[in-house]
Amino acid sequence: MTIRVLLVDDHPVVREGIRGMLGAEADLEIVGDAASGPEAVAQTAALDPDVVLMDLRMPGGDGVAATERIRAERPDCHVLVLTTYDTDTDILRAVEAGATGYLLKDTPRAQLAEAVRAAARGETVLAASVTGRLVAGMRRRPETPALSPREVEVLRLAADGRTNAEIGRALHISATTVKTHLMRAYDKLGVADRTAAVSQALRRGLLPGA
């Protein structure tokens, strides 16, 4: 199966560099590019990509706002942030907008290609430094929900980027049961997807040692 990818970055040289990096992968097809958030939204509607590689700070329009619109209008399309910035604010805004993952532009080619494949499957993809920032910045809130021990185990493995099937094998439960635990965790955390659940759990200190 070929994964259709849209590149979004305001620098033409960066777009061409990424196109060259991913173009060598037989299962990845670059279907187009955009130089701003609004253009990314329009191109997503026109080209129907599976994954949007999204920069965050662009003069022509914010990548976070574009991510939120794309996820609202085309929930089957996954947004993978690829940026220079790894500040806490940028990371949290992107994840809360619905980004499936967050990588930095120094990510090696093989890792970037694998991240696109994982994003296409709907899996959480976070750079190590990003995960570290989420963990370092996590704060318990008075309204912190009580996750069950099993829900914590499932979210901990999800934070490692494992699929439902892989989590099930690790915990000796079915993939369907894994999905049930995830859905319960989503409800308790007030989120709608795996990436946001992992982010919230880390921020609230619910995954000690993650």
C-alpha atoms as a PDB file:
ATOM      1  CA  MET A   1       0.000   0.000   0.000  1.00  0.00           C
ATOM      2  CA  THR A   2       1.353   3.407  -1.001  1.00  0.00           C
ATOM      3  CA  ILE A   3       1.169   6.172   1.612  1.00  0.00           C
ATOM      4  CA  ARG A   4       0.266   9.575   0.160  1.00  0.00           C
ATOM      5  CA  VAL A   5       2.197  12.415   1.786  1.00  0.00           C
ATOM      6  CA  LEU A   6       1.717  16.189   1.661  1.00  0.00           C
ATOM      7  CA  LEU A   7       4.706  18.385   2.599  1.00  0.00           C
ATOM      8  CA  VAL A   8       4.050  21.694   4.380  1.00  0.00           C
ATOM      9  CA  ASP A   9       6.914  24.132   4.970  1.00  0.00           C
ATOM     10  CA  ASP A  10       7.440  27.771   4.026  1.00  0.00           C
ATOM     11  CA  HIS A  11      11.021  27.125   2.850  1.00  0.00           C
ATOM     12  CA  PRO A  12      11.251  25.667  -0.690  1.00  0.00           C
ATOM     13  CA  VAL A  13      14.700  24.240   0.005  1.00  0.00           C
ATOM     14  CA  VAL A  14      13.379  22.333   3.015  1.00  0.00           C
ATOM     15  CA  ARG A  15      10.460  20.959   1.010  1.00  0.00           C
ATOM     16  CA  GLU A  16      12.791  19.793  -1.745  1.00  0.00           C
ATOM     17  CA  GLY A  17      15.129  18.217   0.798  1.00  0.00           C
ATOM     18  CA  ILE A  18      12.308  16.250   2.423  1.00  0.00           C
ATOM     19  CA  ARG A  19      10.964  15.281  -0.991  1.00  0.00           C
ATOM     20  CA  GLY A  20      14.392  13.902  -1.857  1.00  0.00           C
ATOM     21  CA  MET A  21      14.650  12.025   1.439  1.00  0.00           C
ATOM     22  CA  LEU A  22      11.247  10.369   1.214  1.00  0.00           C
ATOM     23  CA  GLY A  23      11.070  10.022  -2.556  1.00  0.00           C
ATOM     24  CA  ALA A  24      13.482   7.092  -2.428  1.00  0.00           C
ATOM     25  CA  GLU A  25      11.023   5.072  -0.341  1.00  0.00           C
ATOM     26  CA  ALA A  26       8.965   2.773  -2.577  1.00  0.00           C
ATOM     27  CA  ASP A  27       5.867   2.915  -0.370  1.00  0.00           C
ATOM     28  CA  LEU A  28       5.809   6.704   0.097  1.00  0.00           C
ATOM     29  CA  GLU A  29       4.412   9.062  -2.549  1.00  0.00           C
ATOM     30  CA  ILE A  30       4.777  12.839  -2.246  1.00  0.00           C
ATOM     31  CA  VAL A  31       1.508  14.062  -3.744  1.00  0.00           C
ATOM     32  CA  GLY A  32       2.088  17.779  -3.261  1.00  0.00           C
ATOM     33  CA  ASP A  33       3.370  20.555  -1.046  1.00  0.00           C
ATOM     34  CA  ALA A  34       2.234  23.768   0.607  1.00  0.00           C
ATOM     35  CA  ALA A  35       3.951  26.838   2.007  1.00  0.00           C
ATOM     36  CA  SER A  36       1.422  27.932   4.649  1.00  0.00           C
ATOM     37  CA  GLY A  37      -1.293  26.656   6.955  1.00  0.00           C
ATOM     38  CA  PRO A  38      -4.249  27.777   4.808  1.00  0.00           C
ATOM     39  CA  GLU A  39      -2.598  26.320   1.709  1.00  0.00           C
ATOM     40  CA  ALA A  40      -2.084  23.047   3.597  1.00  0.00           C
ATOM     41  CA  VAL A  41      -5.803  22.869   4.405  1.00  0.00           C
ATOM     42  CA  ALA A  42      -6.721  23.525   0.762  1.00  0.00           C
ATOM     43  CA  GLN A  43      -4.185  21.019  -0.581  1.00  0.00           C
ATOM     44  CA  THR A  44      -5.344  18.366   1.874  1.00  0.00           C
ATOM     45  CA  ALA A  45      -8.906  18.759   0.624  1.00  0.00           C
ATOM     46  CA  ALA A  46      -7.763  18.616  -3.005  1.00  0.00           C
ATOM     47  CA  LEU A  47      -5.169  15.840  -2.832  1.00  0.00           C
ATOM     48  CA  ASP A  48      -6.486  13.594  -0.030  1.00  0.00           C
ATOM     49  CA  PRO A  49      -3.120  12.623   1.515  1.00  0.00           C
ATOM     50  CA  ASP A  50      -2.793   9.954   4.191  1.00  0.00           C
ATOM     51  CA  VAL A  51      -0.180  11.949   6.123  1.00  0.00           C
ATOM     52  CA  VAL A  52       0.596  15.673   6.243  1.00  0.00           C
ATOM     53  CA  LEU A  53       4.149  16.567   7.283  1.00  0.00           C
ATOM     54  CA  MET A  54       3.461  19.915   8.939  1.00  0.00           C
ATOM     55  CA  ASP A  55       5.814  22.724   9.900  1.00  0.00           C
ATOM     56  CA  LEU A  56       4.537  24.899  12.768  1.00  0.00           C
ATOM     57  CA  ARG A  57       5.665  28.487  12.372  1.00  0.00           C
ATOM     58  CA  MET A  58       5.011  29.830   8.885  1.00  0.00           C
ATOM     59  CA  PRO A  59       4.523  33.484   7.892  1.00  0.00           C
ATOM     60  CA  GLY A  60       1.537  32.654   5.704  1.00  0.00           C
ATOM     61  CA  GLY A  61      -0.427  30.819   8.382  1.00  0.00           C
ATOM     62  CA  ASP A  62       0.042  28.869  11.595  1.00  0.00           C
ATOM     63  CA  GLY A  63       0.620  25.098  11.357  1.00  0.00           C
ATOM     64  CA  VAL A  64      -1.277  24.422  14.575  1.00  0.00           C
ATOM     65  CA  ALA A  65      -4.455  26.064  13.286  1.00  0.00           C
ATOM     66  CA  ALA A  66      -4.073  24.133  10.031  1.00  0.00           C
ATOM     67  CA  THR A  67      -3.639  20.886  11.944  1.00  0.00           C
ATOM     68  CA  GLU A  68      -6.832  21.514  13.890  1.00  0.00           C
ATOM     69  CA  ARG A  69      -8.813  22.219  10.713  1.00  0.00           C
ATOM     70  CA  ILE A  70      -7.426  19.226   8.850  1.00  0.00           C
ATOM     71  CA  ARG A  71      -8.196  16.871  11.712  1.00  0.00           C
ATOM     72  CA  ALA A  72     -11.708  18.289  12.049  1.00  0.00           C
ATOM     73  CA  GLU A  73     -12.488  18.140   8.333  1.00  0.00           C
ATOM     74  CA  ARG A  74     -10.604  14.958   7.412  1.00  0.00           C
ATOM     75  CA  PRO A  75     -10.212  12.757  10.521  1.00  0.00           C
ATOM     76  CA  ASP A  76      -8.676   9.927   8.470  1.00  0.00           C
ATOM     77  CA  CYS A  77      -5.748  12.163   7.523  1.00  0.00           C
ATOM     78  CA  HIS A  78      -2.926  12.155  10.078  1.00  0.00           C
ATOM     79  CA  VAL A  79      -0.730  15.181  10.751  1.00  0.00           C
ATOM     80  CA  LEU A  80       2.905  14.618  11.679  1.00  0.00           C
ATOM     81  CA  VAL A  81       4.632  17.784  12.850  1.00  0.00           C
ATOM     82  CA  LEU A  82       8.175  18.258  11.531  1.00  0.00           C
ATOM     83  CA  THR A  83       9.701  21.423  12.914  1.00  0.00           C
ATOM     84  CA  THR A  84      12.794  23.113  14.298  1.00  0.00           C
ATOM     85  CA  TYR A  85      11.039  24.097  17.511  1.00  0.00           C
ATOM     86  CA  ASP A  86      10.669  21.889  20.576  1.00  0.00           C
ATOM     87  CA  THR A  87       9.343  24.317  23.172  1.00  0.00           C
ATOM     88  CA  ASP A  88       6.738  23.040  25.619  1.00  0.00           C
ATOM     89  CA  THR A  89       4.142  25.449  24.252  1.00  0.00           C
ATOM     90  CA  ASP A  90       4.649  24.381  20.641  1.00  0.00           C
ATOM     91  CA  ILE A  91       4.513  20.696  21.517  1.00  0.00           C
ATOM     92  CA  LEU A  92       1.357  20.943  23.612  1.00  0.00           C
ATOM     93  CA  ARG A  93      -0.452  23.173  21.117  1.00  0.00           C
ATOM     94  CA  ALA A  94       0.299  20.766  18.276  1.00  0.00           C
ATOM     95  CA  VAL A  95      -0.749  17.658  20.194  1.00  0.00           C
ATOM     96  CA  GLU A  96      -3.912  19.282  21.481  1.00  0.00           C
ATOM     97  CA  ALA A  97      -4.756  20.362  17.925  1.00  0.00           C
ATOM     98  CA  GLY A  98      -4.740  16.696  16.931  1.00  0.00           C
ATOM     99  CA  ALA A  99      -1.235  16.032  15.613  1.00  0.00           C
ATOM    100  CA  THR A 100      -0.417  12.328  15.527  1.00  0.00           C
ATOM    101  CA  GLY A 101       3.242  12.990  16.250  1.00  0.00           C
ATOM    102  CA  TYR A 102       5.992  15.555  16.689  1.00  0.00           C
ATOM    103  CA  LEU A 103       9.468  15.282  15.184  1.00  0.00           C
ATOM    104  CA  LEU A 104      12.385  17.667  14.759  1.00  0.00           C
ATOM    105  CA  LYS A 105      14.016  18.482  11.433  1.00  0.00           C
ATOM    106  CA  ASP A 106      17.265  16.784  12.407  1.00  0.00           C
ATOM    107  CA  THR A 107      15.485  13.409  12.340  1.00  0.00           C
ATOM    108  CA  PRO A 108      17.474  10.909  10.194  1.00  0.00           C
ATOM    109  CA  ARG A 109      15.922   9.839   6.888  1.00  0.00           C
ATOM    110  CA  ALA A 110      15.207   6.229   7.871  1.00  0.00           C
ATOM    111  CA  GLN A 111      13.584   7.339  11.125  1.00  0.00           C
ATOM    112  CA  LEU A 112      11.508   9.966   9.331  1.00  0.00           C
ATOM    113  CA  ALA A 113      10.259   7.452   6.773  1.00  0.00           C
ATOM    114  CA  GLU A 114       9.320   4.990   9.502  1.00  0.00           C
ATOM    115  CA  ALA A 115       7.580   7.773  11.424  1.00  0.00           C
ATOM    116  CA  VAL A 116       5.453   8.588   8.363  1.00  0.00           C
ATOM    117  CA  ARG A 117       4.460   4.925   8.103  1.00  0.00           C
ATOM    118  CA  ALA A 118       3.583   4.831  11.809  1.00  0.00           C
ATOM    119  CA  ALA A 119       1.590   8.058  11.520  1.00  0.00           C
ATOM    120  CA  ALA A 120      -0.358   6.602   8.586  1.00  0.00           C
ATOM    121  CA  ARG A 121      -1.345   3.748  10.909  1.00  0.00           C
ATOM    122  CA  GLY A 122      -2.522   6.284  13.490  1.00  0.00           C
ATOM    123  CA  GLU A 123       0.311   5.544  15.918  1.00  0.00           C
ATOM    124  CA  THR A 124       1.873   8.097  18.232  1.00  0.00           C
ATOM    125  CA  VAL A 125       5.268   9.328  17.024  1.00  0.00           C
ATOM    126  CA  LEU A 126       7.285  11.548  19.361  1.00  0.00           C
ATOM    127  CA  ALA A 127      10.940  12.556  19.198  1.00  0.00           C
ATOM    128  CA  ALA A 128      12.855  11.469  22.294  1.00  0.00           C
ATOM    129  CA  SER A 129      13.495  15.080  23.305  1.00  0.00           C
ATOM    130  CA  VAL A 130       9.797  15.864  22.947  1.00  0.00           C
ATOM    131  CA  THR A 131       8.804  12.966  25.193  1.00  0.00           C
ATOM    132  CA  GLY A 132      11.416  14.173  27.673  1.00  0.00           C
ATOM    133  CA  ARG A 133       9.913  17.650  27.699  1.00  0.00           C
ATOM    134  CA  LEU A 134       6.419  16.291  28.260  1.00  0.00           C
ATOM    135  CA  VAL A 135       7.662  14.186  31.153  1.00  0.00           C
ATOM    136  CA  ALA A 136       9.708  17.032  32.651  1.00  0.00           C
ATOM    137  CA  GLY A 137       6.782  19.427  32.377  1.00  0.00           C
ATOM    138  CA  MET A 138       4.080  17.136  33.674  1.00  0.00           C
ATOM    139  CA  ARG A 139       2.074  18.472  36.588  1.00  0.00           C
ATOM    140  CA  ARG A 140      -0.579  16.785  38.682  1.00  0.00           C
ATOM    141  CA  ARG A 141      -3.845  18.680  38.706  1.00  0.00           C
ATOM    142  CA  PRO A 142      -6.507  18.576  41.430  1.00  0.00           C
ATOM    143  CA  GLU A 143      -8.916  17.025  38.941  1.00  0.00           C
ATOM    144  CA  THR A 144      -6.444  14.340  37.840  1.00  0.00           C
ATOM    145  CA  PRO A 145      -8.528  11.284  36.871  1.00  0.00           C
ATOM    146  CA  ALA A 146      -7.912   7.872  38.371  1.00  0.00           C
ATOM    147  CA  LEU A 147      -6.753   5.493  35.665  1.00  0.00           C
ATOM    148  CA  SER A 148      -6.859   1.793  36.418  1.00  0.00           C
ATOM    149  CA  PRO A 149      -3.514  -0.065  36.644  1.00  0.00           C
ATOM    150  CA  ARG A 150      -4.287  -1.776  33.325  1.00  0.00           C
ATOM    151  CA  GLU A 151      -5.128   1.528  31.633  1.00  0.00           C
ATOM    152  CA  VAL A 152      -1.804   2.908  32.851  1.00  0.00           C
ATOM    153  CA  GLU A 153       0.038  -0.133  31.444  1.00  0.00           C
ATOM    154  CA  VAL A 154      -1.702   0.239  28.092  1.00  0.00           C
ATOM    155  CA  LEU A 155      -0.959   3.970  27.876  1.00  0.00           C
ATOM    156  CA  ARG A 156       2.670   3.402  28.893  1.00  0.00           C
ATOM    157  CA  LEU A 157       3.114   0.992  25.972  1.00  0.00           C
ATOM    158  CA  ALA A 158       1.196   3.326  23.651  1.00  0.00           C
ATOM    159  CA  ALA A 159       3.676   6.052  24.596  1.00  0.00           C
ATOM    160  CA  ASP A 160       6.404   3.788  23.212  1.00  0.00           C
ATOM    161  CA  GLY A 161       4.599   3.797  19.863  1.00  0.00           C
ATOM    162  CA  ARG A 162       3.319   0.217  20.037  1.00  0.00           C
ATOM    163  CA  THR A 163       0.234  -0.854  18.114  1.00  0.00           C
ATOM    164  CA  ASN A 164      -2.836  -2.344  19.802  1.00  0.00           C
ATOM    165  CA  ALA A 165      -1.738  -5.796  18.675  1.00  0.00           C
ATOM    166  CA  GLU A 166       1.754  -5.320  20.117  1.00  0.00           C
ATOM    167  CA  ILE A 167       0.354  -4.007  23.395  1.00  0.00           C
ATOM    168  CA  GLY A 168      -1.980  -6.998  23.550  1.00  0.00           C
ATOM    169  CA  ARG A 169       0.880  -9.444  23.071  1.00  0.00           C
ATOM    170  CA  ALA A 170       2.941  -7.706  25.741  1.00  0.00           C
ATOM    171  CA  LEU A 171       0.091  -7.790  28.259  1.00  0.00           C
ATOM    172  CA  HIS A 172      -1.362 -11.150  27.142  1.00  0.00           C
ATOM    173  CA  ILE A 173      -4.732  -9.653  26.244  1.00  0.00           C
ATOM    174  CA  SER A 174      -6.570  -9.253  22.933  1.00  0.00           C
ATOM    175  CA  ALA A 175      -6.245  -6.191  20.716  1.00  0.00           C
ATOM    176  CA  THR A 176      -9.975  -5.621  21.260  1.00  0.00           C
ATOM    177  CA  THR A 177      -9.433  -5.491  25.021  1.00  0.00           C
ATOM    178  CA  VAL A 178      -6.559  -3.049  24.495  1.00  0.00           C
ATOM    179  CA  LYS A 179      -8.897  -0.812  22.500  1.00  0.00           C
ATOM    180  CA  THR A 180     -11.477  -0.979  25.294  1.00  0.00           C
ATOM    181  CA  HIS A 181      -8.886   0.132  27.875  1.00  0.00           C
ATOM    182  CA  LEU A 182      -7.785   2.964  25.580  1.00  0.00           C
ATOM    183  CA  MET A 183     -11.336   4.172  25.059  1.00  0.00           C
ATOM    184  CA  ARG A 184     -11.934   4.214  28.813  1.00  0.00           C
ATOM    185  CA  ALA A 185      -8.713   6.168  29.305  1.00  0.00           C
ATOM    186  CA  TYR A 186      -9.751   8.646  26.588  1.00  0.00           C
ATOM    187  CA  ASP A 187     -13.031   9.232  28.393  1.00  0.00           C
ATOM    188  CA  LYS A 188     -11.347   9.782  31.757  1.00  0.00           C
ATOM    189  CA  LEU A 189      -8.752  12.135  30.274  1.00  0.00           C
ATOM    190  CA  GLY A 190     -11.266  14.034  28.162  1.00  0.00           C
ATOM    191  CA  VAL A 191      -9.467  13.382  24.865  1.00  0.00           C
ATOM    192  CA  ALA A 192     -10.376  11.791  21.545  1.00  0.00           C
ATOM    193  CA  ASP A 193      -7.245   9.969  20.404  1.00  0.00           C
ATOM    194  CA  ARG A 194      -4.154   8.059  21.457  1.00  0.00           C
ATOM    195  CA  THR A 195      -1.619  10.871  21.015  1.00  0.00           C
ATOM    196  CA  ALA A 196      -3.619  13.317  23.130  1.00  0.00           C
ATOM    197  CA  ALA A 197      -4.170  10.622  25.779  1.00  0.00           C
ATOM    198  CA  VAL A 198      -0.444   9.933  26.077  1.00  0.00           C
ATOM    199  CA  SER A 199       0.289  13.662  26.230  1.00  0.00           C
ATOM    200  CA  GLN A 200      -2.320  14.277  28.939  1.00  0.00           C
ATOM    201  CA  ALA A 201      -1.228  11.267  30.970  1.00  0.00           C
ATOM    202  CA  LEU A 202       2.400  12.423  30.886  1.00  0.00           C
ATOM    203  CA  ARG A 203       1.493  16.009  31.770  1.00  0.00           C
ATOM    204  CA  ARG A 204      -0.605  14.870  34.716  1.00  0.00           C
ATOM    205  CA  GLY A 205       2.023  12.507  36.072  1.00  0.00           C
ATOM    206  CA  LEU A 206      -0.031   9.385  35.438  1.00  0.00           C
ATOM    207  CA  LEU A 207       2.776   7.442  33.745  1.00  0.00           C
ATOM    208  CA  PRO A 208       5.617   7.409  36.291  1.00  0.00           C
ATOM    209  CA  GLY A 209       8.834   6.181  34.751  1.00  0.00           C
ATOM    210  CA  ALA A 210       7.571   6.622  31.167  1.00  0.00           C
END
